[in-house]
């Protein structure tokens, strides 16, 4: 670009126009979906992804003039295509950070911001050489992969942990139908200690994850046999050299990434059971089961109490509740990570839902965190908001501190924190400084965020 400008072949303004025109053309590619899917999924799903920033293969700053022009293009067009991601590194200049956060303040929900160092760290833990890991890109929302060398089934499943908890509290039965769906390890009315609750949850979690892994691998093998991808195999490195279709393991890196959905819902539900049933004995397990069967009807005072700050909730830098989030996440990762897939690769856990927390909630009966039957479960890594009541009441710093207790580098298929701020909060120079300081502080502790 510099050579063309210096030689007078093209102007910067014309190149800026080309980038913005390409954004508009990208936005013309849309999937046609029926009404039901449009109600459940993002209206603009199925788009291109574009990342800027980060470091090069040698670990040096990769920001250049085009990085700024791409951010300007989003600011000028204000269309959410392509999906934008900014890989922020301590190696990047402060001016680039300022540019990225100013674009975020427009309020389109783009770009997403990634902690480059932590993503690289996570990828190296899965055997990716450092030089390749530094070249990672976030596809879709946040799923990291090495471009040109990876075949990752990144959204292989959205695993409803809240539904699993309802099985655990009901002896493996689906409380909506009474059907025996999973192993019977007793009900909440039978448990004599909180350790028995956790044991029942772990049994159900392992059982359903085993079912999920088996089903995914079966589908993967069917794809290999019935739906090979010869054209895509030409575009991804190593497939030709190996003589293998990409669907059969031709790529260098082969991953399968199922997502954990409802983390905060389960964490707060377990925290509520632990506090009210076993520690404070304000209610028995049998009584709480009756409350859930009644879908909280006639128990409004108890629901209000559980949704108040008198009960421990994840997202408030409260170790009592945050330990439950750590427990749920660690168990999910333990049962998923490094399991072999059908392409010679391995499973990598993710913790995010995008908007799938809505249909996951539709299929889930009431839960002890104050959520009613059919209500959306918590989204991504964020705190729960059952009934529209925010369980996080101590501000964004407390949310960041709670999330920092999670070993996010273990969640190699990606995580999302949807962080929402009112425009006034981020306005002016002070708002910009506070916003950048908050995110830099969070990055020093952990990983991804998607401010809205």
Protein backbone atom coordinates (compact mmCIF):
# COMPACT_ATOMS: atom_id res chain seq x y z
CA UNK A 1 0.00 0.00 0.00
CA UNK A 2 2.78 2.43 0.93
CA UNK A 3 4.54 1.76 -2.35
CA UNK A 4 1.38 2.54 -4.36
CA UNK A 5 0.81 5.77 -2.43
CA UNK A 6 4.45 6.89 -2.67
CA UNK A 7 4.50 6.27 -6.40
CA UNK A 8 1.21 8.08 -6.91
CA UNK A 9 -0.54 5.00 -8.30
CA UNK A 10 -3.34 5.04 -5.70
CA UNK A 11 -4.39 7.38 -2.92
CA UNK A 12 -5.10 6.41 0.67
CA UNK A 13 -8.63 7.75 0.27
CA UNK A 14 -9.29 5.46 -2.69
CA UNK A 15 -7.94 2.45 -0.80
CA UNK A 16 -10.17 3.34 2.14
CA UNK A 17 -13.12 3.43 -0.23
CA UNK A 18 -12.21 -0.02 -1.57
CA UNK A 19 -12.14 -1.51 1.93
CA UNK A 20 -15.50 0.02 2.79
CA UNK A 21 -17.01 -1.12 -0.51
CA UNK A 22 -15.81 -4.65 0.21
CA UNK A 23 -17.58 -4.50 3.60
CA UNK A 24 -20.83 -3.57 1.85
CA UNK A 25 -20.44 -6.42 -0.63
CA UNK A 26 -19.79 -8.87 2.20
CA UNK A 27 -22.98 -7.73 3.88
CA UNK A 28 -25.01 -8.79 0.85
CA UNK A 29 -24.37 -12.46 1.62
CA UNK A 30 -27.20 -13.49 3.91
CA UNK A 31 -28.72 -16.79 4.88
CA UNK A 32 -32.45 -17.12 4.34
CA UNK A 33 -33.99 -18.54 7.49
CA UNK A 34 -37.49 -19.42 8.58
CA UNK A 35 -39.31 -17.48 11.29
CA UNK A 36 -38.56 -19.97 14.08
CA UNK A 37 -34.81 -19.88 13.46
CA UNK A 38 -34.87 -16.10 13.16
CA UNK A 39 -36.42 -15.93 16.63
CA UNK A 40 -33.65 -18.05 18.12
CA UNK A 41 -30.51 -17.24 16.14
CA UNK A 42 -28.70 -14.00 15.28
CA UNK A 43 -30.33 -12.44 12.23
CA UNK A 44 -26.99 -11.84 10.56
CA UNK A 45 -25.30 -15.18 11.22
CA UNK A 46 -23.18 -16.80 8.54
CA UNK A 47 -20.85 -13.95 7.70
CA UNK A 48 -17.20 -13.27 7.08
CA UNK A 49 -14.72 -12.78 9.93
CA UNK A 50 -11.85 -10.31 9.99
CA UNK A 51 -9.20 -9.84 12.69
CA UNK A 52 -6.65 -7.05 13.08
CA UNK A 53 -3.85 -6.40 15.54
CA UNK A 54 -1.89 -8.94 17.54
CA UNK A 55 1.67 -10.00 16.83
CA UNK A 56 3.50 -11.71 13.98
CA UNK A 57 5.18 -15.13 14.03
CA UNK A 58 8.21 -13.61 15.79
CA UNK A 59 6.09 -12.01 18.51
CA UNK A 60 6.48 -8.47 17.21
CA UNK A 61 3.73 -5.88 16.76
CA UNK A 62 1.60 -6.73 13.70
CA UNK A 63 -0.36 -3.46 13.57
CA UNK A 64 0.02 -1.49 10.33
CA UNK A 65 -1.82 1.19 8.34
CA UNK A 66 -4.41 -1.29 7.10
CA UNK A 67 -5.28 -2.17 10.71
CA UNK A 68 -6.40 1.42 11.30
CA UNK A 69 -8.16 1.61 7.95
CA UNK A 70 -10.20 -1.51 8.69
CA UNK A 71 -11.37 0.00 11.99
CA UNK A 72 -12.19 3.24 10.18
CA UNK A 73 -14.17 1.26 7.62
CA UNK A 74 -16.38 -0.16 10.33
CA UNK A 75 -16.81 3.27 11.89
CA UNK A 76 -17.83 4.73 8.53
CA UNK A 77 -20.15 1.94 7.33
CA UNK A 78 -21.51 0.91 10.74
CA UNK A 79 -22.62 -2.45 9.40
CA UNK A 80 -21.80 -5.54 11.40
CA UNK A 81 -20.20 -7.35 8.49
CA UNK A 82 -17.55 -8.61 8.50
CA UNK A 83 -17.50 -9.85 12.08
CA UNK A 84 -14.66 -7.79 13.46
CA UNK A 85 -12.14 -8.93 16.02
CA UNK A 86 -9.26 -6.94 17.48
CA UNK A 87 -6.36 -8.96 18.87
CA UNK A 88 -4.95 -6.67 21.54
CA UNK A 89 -1.40 -7.22 22.69
CA UNK A 90 0.91 -5.30 24.97
CA UNK A 91 3.14 -5.03 21.88
CA UNK A 92 0.50 -2.95 20.05
CA UNK A 93 0.83 0.87 20.17
CA UNK A 94 -1.42 2.85 22.49
CA UNK A 95 -2.88 4.67 19.47
CA UNK A 96 -4.24 1.36 18.19
CA UNK A 97 -5.88 0.60 21.53
CA UNK A 98 -7.48 4.05 21.53
CA UNK A 99 -8.71 3.60 17.96
CA UNK A 100 -10.25 0.19 18.79
CA UNK A 101 -12.05 1.41 21.91
CA UNK A 102 -13.33 4.53 20.16
CA UNK A 103 -14.88 2.32 17.48
CA UNK A 104 -16.46 0.11 20.14
CA UNK A 105 -18.01 3.23 21.71
CA UNK A 106 -20.08 3.74 18.53
CA UNK A 107 -22.31 0.97 19.90
CA UNK A 108 -22.65 -1.54 17.05
CA UNK A 109 -21.36 -4.38 19.22
CA UNK A 110 -18.25 -4.60 17.04
CA UNK A 111 -15.39 -5.17 17.17
CA UNK A 112 -14.88 -7.96 19.67
CA UNK A 113 -11.66 -7.67 21.60
CA UNK A 114 -9.30 -10.54 22.34
CA UNK A 115 -6.43 -10.87 24.78
CA UNK A 116 -3.83 -12.02 22.27
CA UNK A 117 -1.29 -13.31 24.79
CA UNK A 118 -3.81 -15.52 26.59
CA UNK A 119 -5.20 -17.03 23.39
CA UNK A 120 -1.67 -17.89 22.25
CA UNK A 121 -1.01 -19.46 25.65
CA UNK A 122 -4.16 -21.59 25.35
CA UNK A 123 -3.29 -22.81 21.86
CA UNK A 124 0.22 -23.84 22.85
CA UNK A 125 -1.29 -25.95 25.64
CA UNK A 126 -2.97 -27.93 22.87
CA UNK A 127 0.32 -28.60 21.09
CA UNK A 128 0.29 -25.77 18.55
CA UNK A 129 3.83 -24.43 17.94
CA UNK A 130 4.33 -20.87 19.12
CA UNK A 131 4.83 -19.38 15.66
CA UNK A 132 1.58 -20.95 14.42
CA UNK A 133 -0.28 -20.00 17.59
CA UNK A 134 0.66 -16.35 17.15
CA UNK A 135 -1.02 -16.39 13.74
CA UNK A 136 -4.38 -17.47 15.20
CA UNK A 137 -7.67 -15.95 14.11
CA UNK A 138 -11.07 -15.95 15.74
CA UNK A 139 -13.61 -17.49 13.41
CA UNK A 140 -17.33 -16.98 13.94
CA UNK A 141 -17.33 -15.24 17.28
CA UNK A 142 -14.23 -16.25 19.19
CA UNK A 143 -13.20 -19.76 18.18
CA UNK A 144 -9.39 -19.67 17.72
CA UNK A 145 -7.68 -21.58 14.95
CA UNK A 146 -4.57 -21.41 12.77
CA UNK A 147 -5.78 -20.18 9.35
CA UNK A 148 -5.04 -22.44 6.42
CA UNK A 149 -4.08 -25.39 8.61
CA UNK A 150 -7.16 -26.19 10.70
CA UNK A 151 -10.41 -28.06 10.37
CA UNK A 152 -12.24 -27.30 13.58
CA UNK A 153 -15.83 -28.29 14.20
CA UNK A 154 -16.06 -25.35 16.54
CA UNK A 155 -19.77 -25.39 17.28
CA UNK A 156 -20.21 -29.15 17.40
CA UNK A 157 -22.78 -28.86 20.18
CA UNK A 158 -24.29 -26.41 22.63
CA UNK A 159 -24.38 -28.44 25.84
CA UNK A 160 -27.16 -27.41 28.22
CA UNK A 161 -25.64 -27.74 31.69
CA UNK A 162 -28.80 -26.33 33.30
CA UNK A 163 -30.82 -29.22 31.85
CA UNK A 164 -28.23 -31.64 33.23
CA UNK A 165 -28.67 -30.09 36.68
CA UNK A 166 -32.44 -30.68 36.54
CA UNK A 167 -31.73 -34.36 35.82
CA UNK A 168 -29.31 -34.48 38.77
CA UNK A 169 -31.89 -33.02 41.18
CA UNK A 170 -34.60 -35.43 40.01
CA UNK A 171 -32.92 -38.82 40.05
CA UNK A 172 -32.06 -38.73 36.36
CA UNK A 173 -35.65 -38.02 35.35
CA UNK A 174 -36.75 -35.18 33.12
CA UNK A 175 -39.04 -33.14 35.40
CA UNK A 176 -40.98 -31.95 32.36
CA UNK A 177 -42.03 -35.45 31.26
CA UNK A 178 -41.18 -37.80 34.13
CA UNK A 179 -39.10 -39.88 31.71
CA UNK A 180 -36.06 -41.66 33.11
CA UNK A 181 -33.35 -40.05 30.98
CA UNK A 182 -30.10 -40.51 32.89
CA UNK A 183 -28.61 -42.46 35.84
CA UNK A 184 -30.56 -42.40 39.10
CA UNK A 185 -28.43 -41.10 41.96
CA UNK A 186 -31.31 -39.88 44.12
CA UNK A 187 -33.18 -36.58 44.26
CA UNK A 188 -32.67 -33.30 46.06
CA UNK A 189 -35.17 -34.53 48.64
CA UNK A 190 -32.87 -37.49 49.39
CA UNK A 191 -29.45 -35.82 49.55
CA UNK A 192 -28.00 -35.53 53.05
CA UNK A 193 -25.09 -33.25 52.15
CA UNK A 194 -24.02 -30.82 49.47
CA UNK A 195 -21.30 -33.27 48.44
CA UNK A 196 -24.06 -35.69 47.45
CA UNK A 197 -25.58 -32.96 45.26
CA UNK A 198 -22.24 -32.44 43.53
CA UNK A 199 -21.73 -36.17 43.11
CA UNK A 200 -25.14 -36.53 41.44
CA UNK A 201 -24.39 -33.58 39.16
CA UNK A 202 -21.02 -35.03 38.15
CA UNK A 203 -22.57 -38.41 37.35
CA UNK A 204 -25.17 -36.78 35.08
CA UNK A 205 -22.61 -34.42 33.54
CA UNK A 206 -20.24 -37.27 32.67
CA UNK A 207 -23.07 -39.43 31.32
CA UNK A 208 -24.47 -36.74 29.01
CA UNK A 209 -21.03 -35.58 27.85
CA UNK A 210 -20.19 -39.19 26.96
CA UNK A 211 -23.44 -39.32 24.94
CA UNK A 212 -22.56 -36.03 23.27
CA UNK A 213 -19.02 -37.09 22.33
CA UNK A 214 -20.25 -40.40 20.92
CA UNK A 215 -22.95 -38.69 18.87
CA UNK A 216 -20.59 -36.03 17.51
CA UNK A 217 -17.98 -38.60 16.49
CA UNK A 218 -20.66 -40.69 14.79
CA UNK A 219 -21.84 -37.68 12.79
CA UNK A 220 -18.22 -36.85 11.94
CA UNK A 221 -17.68 -40.35 10.52
CA UNK A 222 -20.90 -40.15 8.53
CA UNK A 223 -19.71 -36.86 7.02
CA UNK A 224 -16.42 -38.49 6.03
CA UNK A 225 -18.21 -41.32 4.26
CA UNK A 226 -21.12 -39.47 2.68
CA UNK A 227 -20.06 -35.85 2.37
CA UNK A 228 -16.34 -35.39 1.65
CA UNK A 229 -15.11 -31.88 0.88
CA UNK A 230 -12.64 -32.10 -2.02
CA UNK A 231 -12.71 -28.42 -2.94
CA UNK A 232 -12.12 -27.26 0.62
CA UNK A 233 -9.35 -29.84 0.85
CA UNK A 234 -7.54 -28.03 -1.96
CA UNK A 235 -7.57 -24.79 0.04
CA UNK A 236 -6.31 -26.09 3.38
CA UNK A 237 -2.64 -27.02 3.76
CA UNK A 238 -1.45 -30.60 4.31
CA UNK A 239 -4.54 -32.29 2.80
CA UNK A 240 -2.90 -32.87 -0.60
CA UNK A 241 0.40 -33.90 0.97
CA UNK A 242 -1.37 -36.44 3.18
CA UNK A 243 -3.69 -37.57 0.41
CA UNK A 244 -6.62 -37.15 2.79
CA UNK A 245 -9.87 -35.27 2.49
CA UNK A 246 -10.17 -32.53 5.08
CA UNK A 247 -13.19 -34.27 6.60
CA UNK A 248 -11.04 -37.36 7.24
CA UNK A 249 -8.17 -35.60 9.03
CA UNK A 250 -6.25 -34.04 6.14
CA UNK A 251 -5.66 -30.75 7.95
CA UNK A 252 -2.73 -30.26 10.31
CA UNK A 253 -4.96 -29.33 13.25
CA UNK A 254 -8.25 -31.16 13.80
CA UNK A 255 -10.47 -30.08 16.65
CA UNK A 256 -14.03 -30.56 17.84
CA UNK A 257 -15.42 -27.86 20.10
CA UNK A 258 -18.69 -28.28 22.03
CA UNK A 259 -19.82 -25.30 24.09
CA UNK A 260 -20.95 -25.27 27.71
CA UNK A 261 -24.18 -23.25 28.03
CA UNK A 262 -25.71 -21.94 31.26
CA UNK A 263 -22.60 -21.70 33.45
CA UNK A 264 -23.92 -18.95 35.73
CA UNK A 265 -27.38 -20.51 35.97
CA UNK A 266 -25.88 -23.74 37.31
CA UNK A 267 -23.33 -21.95 39.50
CA UNK A 268 -26.01 -19.81 41.17
CA UNK A 269 -28.38 -22.80 41.48
CA UNK A 270 -25.72 -24.83 43.25
CA UNK A 271 -24.76 -21.86 45.41
CA UNK A 272 -28.42 -21.42 46.41
CA UNK A 273 -28.78 -25.10 47.33
CA UNK A 274 -25.55 -25.04 49.29
CA UNK A 275 -26.47 -21.88 51.21
CA UNK A 276 -30.20 -22.26 51.86
CA UNK A 277 -30.58 -26.04 52.13
CA UNK A 278 -27.35 -27.20 53.76
CA UNK A 279 -25.53 -24.24 55.36
CA UNK A 280 -28.38 -22.08 56.67
CA UNK A 281 -31.13 -24.73 56.54
CA UNK A 282 -33.76 -22.14 55.61
CA UNK A 283 -35.53 -24.68 53.40
CA UNK A 284 -35.34 -28.43 52.92
CA UNK A 285 -34.39 -30.12 49.68
CA UNK A 286 -37.89 -31.60 49.46
CA UNK A 287 -39.45 -28.14 49.88
CA UNK A 288 -37.20 -26.65 47.21
CA UNK A 289 -38.17 -29.45 44.83
CA UNK A 290 -41.83 -28.57 45.40
CA UNK A 291 -41.05 -24.91 44.65
CA UNK A 292 -39.46 -25.88 41.34
CA UNK A 293 -42.35 -28.21 40.47
CA UNK A 294 -44.70 -25.25 41.08
CA UNK A 295 -42.49 -23.10 38.81
CA UNK A 296 -42.15 -20.60 41.66
CA UNK A 297 -45.90 -19.87 41.63
CA UNK A 298 -47.04 -19.20 45.17
CA UNK A 299 -43.42 -18.86 46.28
CA UNK A 300 -42.76 -15.30 45.12
CA UNK A 301 -41.25 -14.20 48.44
CA UNK A 302 -38.68 -16.99 48.34
CA UNK A 303 -37.87 -16.21 44.72
CA UNK A 304 -37.36 -12.53 45.57
CA UNK A 305 -35.08 -13.51 48.45
CA UNK A 306 -33.00 -15.83 46.24
CA UNK A 307 -32.70 -13.07 43.64
CA UNK A 308 -31.55 -10.57 46.28
CA UNK A 309 -28.05 -9.82 47.52
CA UNK A 310 -28.77 -11.94 50.61
CA UNK A 311 -27.88 -15.01 48.56
CA UNK A 312 -24.44 -15.62 47.06
CA UNK A 313 -24.26 -15.07 43.30
CA UNK A 314 -21.52 -15.48 40.71
CA UNK A 315 -20.23 -12.21 39.27
CA UNK A 316 -19.77 -10.27 42.51
CA UNK A 317 -16.20 -11.30 43.40
CA UNK A 318 -17.80 -13.59 45.99
CA UNK A 319 -15.71 -16.72 46.53
CA UNK A 320 -18.70 -18.67 47.85
CA UNK A 321 -20.52 -18.45 44.50
CA UNK A 322 -17.47 -18.09 42.27
CA UNK A 323 -16.20 -21.44 43.56
CA UNK A 324 -19.34 -23.00 42.09
CA UNK A 325 -18.62 -21.46 38.68
CA UNK A 326 -15.05 -22.76 38.89
CA UNK A 327 -16.35 -26.20 39.83
CA UNK A 328 -18.86 -26.41 36.97
CA UNK A 329 -16.38 -25.13 34.39
CA UNK A 330 -13.57 -27.38 35.58
CA UNK A 331 -15.77 -30.48 35.54
CA UNK A 332 -17.05 -29.68 32.06
CA UNK A 333 -13.49 -29.22 30.82
CA UNK A 334 -12.31 -32.38 32.59
CA UNK A 335 -14.95 -34.50 30.85
CA UNK A 336 -14.42 -32.91 27.40
CA UNK A 337 -10.81 -31.86 26.90
CA UNK A 338 -8.36 -33.95 24.85
CA UNK A 339 -10.86 -36.70 24.06
CA UNK A 340 -10.14 -38.15 20.60
CA UNK A 341 -12.34 -37.13 17.70
CA UNK A 342 -13.01 -38.99 14.46
CA UNK A 343 -10.39 -37.05 12.47
CA UNK A 344 -7.34 -37.95 14.53
CA UNK A 345 -7.62 -34.75 16.54
CA UNK A 346 -9.13 -33.95 19.91
CA UNK A 347 -12.01 -32.23 21.65
CA UNK A 348 -11.56 -28.71 23.03
CA UNK A 349 -14.15 -27.25 25.42
CA UNK A 350 -15.74 -23.85 24.89
CA UNK A 351 -17.91 -21.75 27.19
CA UNK A 352 -20.25 -19.51 25.25
CA UNK A 353 -23.77 -19.57 23.91
CA UNK A 354 -24.23 -16.56 21.59
CA UNK A 355 -28.07 -16.62 21.55
CA UNK A 356 -28.50 -20.38 21.98
CA UNK A 357 -29.09 -19.81 25.71
CA UNK A 358 -32.63 -18.81 24.70
CA UNK A 359 -33.70 -22.18 23.16
CA UNK A 360 -31.70 -24.00 25.85
CA UNK A 361 -33.91 -22.26 28.39
CA UNK A 362 -37.05 -23.14 26.46
CA UNK A 363 -36.32 -26.80 27.01
CA UNK A 364 -35.44 -26.49 30.68
CA UNK A 365 -37.75 -26.47 33.70
CA UNK A 366 -37.35 -24.11 36.67
CA UNK A 367 -33.97 -23.98 38.41
CA UNK A 368 -33.01 -23.06 42.01
CA UNK A 369 -31.36 -19.76 41.00
CA UNK A 370 -34.81 -18.13 40.58
CA UNK A 371 -35.23 -18.93 36.90
CA UNK A 372 -38.70 -20.03 35.76
CA UNK A 373 -39.45 -22.82 33.30
CA UNK A 374 -38.78 -21.83 29.69
CA UNK A 375 -36.77 -18.73 30.59
CA UNK A 376 -33.38 -18.28 28.93
CA UNK A 377 -30.43 -19.67 30.85
CA UNK A 378 -27.38 -17.47 31.43
CA UNK A 379 -25.37 -16.45 28.40
CA UNK A 380 -21.70 -17.19 27.84
CA UNK A 381 -19.45 -16.42 30.83
CA UNK A 382 -21.69 -13.65 32.13
CA UNK A 383 -23.65 -13.56 35.39
CA UNK A 384 -27.25 -14.78 35.51
CA UNK A 385 -30.30 -12.51 35.23
CA UNK A 386 -33.35 -14.66 36.04
CA UNK A 387 -36.62 -12.80 35.73
CA UNK A 388 -34.72 -9.75 34.53
CA UNK A 389 -33.02 -9.40 37.94
CA UNK A 390 -29.26 -8.91 37.75
CA UNK A 391 -27.43 -11.27 40.04
CA UNK A 392 -24.29 -9.16 39.65
CA UNK A 393 -24.73 -6.06 41.81
CA UNK A 394 -21.17 -5.00 42.62
CA UNK A 395 -20.20 -3.47 39.29
CA UNK A 396 -17.95 -4.42 36.38
CA UNK A 397 -14.78 -4.70 38.44
CA UNK A 398 -16.40 -7.43 40.54
CA UNK A 399 -17.53 -9.22 37.36
CA UNK A 400 -13.96 -9.10 36.05
CA UNK A 401 -12.60 -10.44 39.34
CA UNK A 402 -15.09 -13.32 39.33
CA UNK A 403 -14.20 -14.29 35.78
CA UNK A 404 -10.49 -14.03 36.54
CA UNK A 405 -10.87 -16.97 38.93
CA UNK A 406 -11.74 -19.23 35.99
CA UNK A 407 -8.86 -20.96 34.20
CA UNK A 408 -9.88 -19.61 30.80
CA UNK A 409 -6.72 -20.82 29.07
CA UNK A 410 -8.15 -24.30 29.63
CA UNK A 411 -11.21 -23.41 27.52
CA UNK A 412 -9.38 -23.70 24.22
CA UNK A 413 -12.43 -23.48 21.94
CA UNK A 414 -13.11 -19.97 23.19
CA UNK A 415 -15.18 -18.00 25.67
CA UNK A 416 -17.30 -14.90 25.47
CA UNK A 417 -18.17 -12.23 27.99
CA UNK A 418 -20.95 -10.01 26.71
CA UNK A 419 -20.43 -6.79 28.63
CA UNK A 420 -23.09 -4.11 28.26
CA UNK A 421 -22.52 -0.44 29.15
CA UNK A 422 -24.78 2.59 28.78
CA UNK A 423 -23.41 5.19 26.34
CA UNK A 424 -23.07 7.82 29.07
CA UNK A 425 -20.79 5.51 31.03
CA UNK A 426 -18.24 5.53 28.23
CA UNK A 427 -18.65 9.10 26.98
CA UNK A 428 -15.91 11.71 26.87
CA UNK A 429 -12.22 11.35 27.55
CA UNK A 430 -12.83 10.13 31.10
CA UNK A 431 -15.21 7.47 29.85
CA UNK A 432 -12.66 6.31 27.29
CA UNK A 433 -9.88 6.17 29.88
CA UNK A 434 -12.07 4.26 32.33
CA UNK A 435 -13.13 1.83 29.61
CA UNK A 436 -9.55 1.13 28.53
CA UNK A 437 -8.34 0.81 32.12
CA UNK A 438 -11.12 -1.66 32.92
CA UNK A 439 -10.31 -3.83 29.92
CA UNK A 440 -6.55 -3.65 30.47
CA UNK A 441 -7.09 -4.72 34.07
CA UNK A 442 -9.32 -7.58 32.96
CA UNK A 443 -6.80 -8.61 30.30
CA UNK A 444 -4.05 -8.74 32.87
CA UNK A 445 -6.15 -11.40 34.55
CA UNK A 446 -7.75 -13.20 31.62
CA UNK A 447 -9.28 -13.38 28.19
CA UNK A 448 -12.09 -12.34 25.81
CA UNK A 449 -14.74 -9.64 26.02
CA UNK A 450 -17.40 -8.37 23.70
CA UNK A 451 -18.52 -4.91 24.86
CA UNK A 452 -21.97 -3.85 23.64
